[in-house]
Each structure stands twice: as structure tokens, then as C-alpha cells.
Amino acid sequence: MKVTGNGIHRDDIEFTMRGIPLNEIASQGQKRMVLLSIKLCLIDFVKLAKKTCPVLILDDVLSELDQNNRVRLFKVLDKS
């Protein structure tokens, strides 16, 4: 089949704020920012663990963020 049924890509992770699932209270933009934050943390982890910098592709992400969040994202990326 060339497909695995195990691994983190098969896990369902639920993020909550004050015990309420983010899917119920966050806007699409807020959900996107949460996912970006996780990806940025993973990049830092890979940098420390492997001593190399992974590639972050932002083409679709940038079209979904408003101007303020794009500026915030690039400020964070500039620091890393």
C-alpha cells in the first residue's frame, strides 16, 4: 500500500484555552497563527537537535494572513 497507519500524522491533537477547544472559539486566522507557532517551535527544535535549519514554505500561509500577522510572522522569522 505504501502508506503507514502509524505516526504523528495520524494523531488528533486538541488545543484548548481555559478548557475550551480552540476549534470552538478561535477564528480561522487565530487557528492559523497557532499552527504557525507550533511550526516555528519545531524549526527551533530541529535547529538545536540536528544543527541544521529546515526550510519553511510560506506560499499558501501568507495569502491567508492579514497584513498585521504577516508583519508579526516576518519579525519572528527575522530573529531566528
C-alpha atoms as a PDB file:
ATOM      1  CA  MET A   1       0.000   0.000   0.000  1.00  0.00           C
ATOM      2  CA  LYS A   2       2.978   2.318   0.578  1.00  0.00           C
ATOM      3  CA  VAL A   3       1.027   4.079   3.341  1.00  0.00           C
ATOM      4  CA  THR A   4       1.624   3.957   7.058  1.00  0.00           C
ATOM      5  CA  GLY A   5      -1.193   3.848   9.561  1.00  0.00           C
ATOM      6  CA  ASN A   6       1.039   4.891  12.441  1.00  0.00           C
ATOM      7  CA  GLY A   7       2.774   8.122  13.297  1.00  0.00           C
ATOM      8  CA  ILE A   8       2.162  11.693  14.339  1.00  0.00           C
ATOM      9  CA  HIS A   9       0.391  12.495  11.085  1.00  0.00           C
ATOM     10  CA  ARG A  10      -2.401  10.173  12.259  1.00  0.00           C
ATOM     11  CA  ASP A  11      -2.732  11.719  15.732  1.00  0.00           C
ATOM     12  CA  ASP A  12      -5.545  14.079  16.617  1.00  0.00           C
ATOM     13  CA  ILE A  13      -4.284  16.866  18.848  1.00  0.00           C
ATOM     14  CA  GLU A  14      -6.735  19.189  20.526  1.00  0.00           C
ATOM     15  CA  PHE A  15      -5.627  22.632  21.696  1.00  0.00           C
ATOM     16  CA  THR A  16      -7.633  24.334  24.390  1.00  0.00           C
ATOM     17  CA  MET A  17      -7.821  27.724  26.002  1.00  0.00           C
ATOM     18  CA  ARG A  18      -9.212  27.725  29.540  1.00  0.00           C
ATOM     19  CA  GLY A  19     -10.508  24.227  28.870  1.00  0.00           C
ATOM     20  CA  ILE A  20     -12.414  25.165  25.706  1.00  0.00           C
ATOM     21  CA  PRO A  21     -11.277  23.625  22.391  1.00  0.00           C
ATOM     22  CA  LEU A  22      -9.784  26.254  20.079  1.00  0.00           C
ATOM     23  CA  ASN A  23     -11.883  24.880  17.224  1.00  0.00           C
ATOM     24  CA  GLU A  24     -14.929  26.224  19.045  1.00  0.00           C
ATOM     25  CA  ILE A  25     -13.689  29.694  19.978  1.00  0.00           C
ATOM     26  CA  ALA A  26     -10.864  30.710  17.616  1.00  0.00           C
ATOM     27  CA  SER A  27     -11.214  32.390  14.247  1.00  0.00           C
ATOM     28  CA  GLN A  28      -9.541  30.902  11.159  1.00  0.00           C
ATOM     29  CA  GLY A  29      -6.740  33.455  11.485  1.00  0.00           C
ATOM     30  CA  GLN A  30      -6.178  32.573  15.128  1.00  0.00           C
ATOM     31  CA  LYS A  31      -6.085  28.865  14.292  1.00  0.00           C
ATOM     32  CA  ARG A  32      -3.568  29.582  11.543  1.00  0.00           C
ATOM     33  CA  MET A  33      -1.375  31.535  13.980  1.00  0.00           C
ATOM     34  CA  VAL A  34      -1.455  28.649  16.489  1.00  0.00           C
ATOM     35  CA  LEU A  35      -0.284  26.243  13.790  1.00  0.00           C
ATOM     36  CA  LEU A  36       2.440  28.648  12.686  1.00  0.00           C
ATOM     37  CA  SER A  37       3.619  28.961  16.281  1.00  0.00           C
ATOM     38  CA  ILE A  38       3.925  25.191  16.531  1.00  0.00           C
ATOM     39  CA  LYS A  39       5.852  25.026  13.269  1.00  0.00           C
ATOM     40  CA  LEU A  40       8.231  27.750  14.453  1.00  0.00           C
ATOM     41  CA  CYS A  41       8.833  25.781  17.658  1.00  0.00           C
ATOM     42  CA  LEU A  42       9.559  22.679  15.582  1.00  0.00           C
ATOM     43  CA  ILE A  43      12.052  24.646  13.498  1.00  0.00           C
ATOM     44  CA  ASP A  44      13.871  25.708  16.672  1.00  0.00           C
ATOM     45  CA  PHE A  45      13.852  22.105  17.882  1.00  0.00           C
ATOM     46  CA  VAL A  46      15.359  20.831  14.624  1.00  0.00           C
ATOM     47  CA  LYS A  47      17.998  23.582  14.705  1.00  0.00           C
ATOM     48  CA  LEU A  48      19.084  22.503  18.181  1.00  0.00           C
ATOM     49  CA  ALA A  49      18.844  18.757  17.637  1.00  0.00           C
ATOM     50  CA  LYS A  50      20.275  18.463  14.126  1.00  0.00           C
ATOM     51  CA  LYS A  51      22.383  21.632  13.878  1.00  0.00           C
ATOM     52  CA  THR A  52      20.704  22.477  10.596  1.00  0.00           C
ATOM     53  CA  CYS A  53      17.918  24.836   9.570  1.00  0.00           C
ATOM     54  CA  PRO A  54      14.866  23.307   7.886  1.00  0.00           C
ATOM     55  CA  VAL A  55      13.040  25.059   5.058  1.00  0.00           C
ATOM     56  CA  LEU A  56       9.740  26.741   5.888  1.00  0.00           C
ATOM     57  CA  ILE A  57       7.494  27.216   2.848  1.00  0.00           C
ATOM     58  CA  LEU A  58       5.016  30.040   3.338  1.00  0.00           C
ATOM     59  CA  ASP A  59       3.282  30.477  -0.026  1.00  0.00           C
ATOM     60  CA  ASP A  60      -0.247  29.462   0.987  1.00  0.00           C
ATOM     61  CA  VAL A  61       0.154  30.731   4.539  1.00  0.00           C
ATOM     62  CA  LEU A  62       0.914  34.290   3.508  1.00  0.00           C
ATOM     63  CA  SER A  63      -2.201  34.559   1.383  1.00  0.00           C
ATOM     64  CA  GLU A  64      -4.327  33.596   4.394  1.00  0.00           C
ATOM     65  CA  LEU A  65      -2.817  36.054   6.904  1.00  0.00           C
ATOM     66  CA  ASP A  66      -3.788  39.674   7.276  1.00  0.00           C
ATOM     67  CA  GLN A  67      -1.121  42.365   6.978  1.00  0.00           C
ATOM     68  CA  ASN A  68      -0.541  42.669  10.740  1.00  0.00           C
ATOM     69  CA  ASN A  69       0.012  38.940  11.187  1.00  0.00           C
ATOM     70  CA  ARG A  70       2.322  38.815   8.144  1.00  0.00           C
ATOM     71  CA  VAL A  71       4.449  41.571   9.697  1.00  0.00           C
ATOM     72  CA  ARG A  72       4.499  39.749  13.052  1.00  0.00           C
ATOM     73  CA  LEU A  73       5.482  36.479  11.368  1.00  0.00           C
ATOM     74  CA  PHE A  74       8.373  38.050   9.483  1.00  0.00           C
ATOM     75  CA  LYS A  75       9.628  39.749  12.659  1.00  0.00           C
ATOM     76  CA  VAL A  76       9.747  36.381  14.388  1.00  0.00           C
ATOM     77  CA  LEU A  77      11.441  34.745  11.400  1.00  0.00           C
ATOM     78  CA  ASP A  78      13.971  37.561  11.229  1.00  0.00           C
ATOM     79  CA  LYS A  79      15.019  36.883  14.834  1.00  0.00           C
ATOM     80  CA  SER A  80      15.550  33.153  14.269  1.00  0.00           C
END
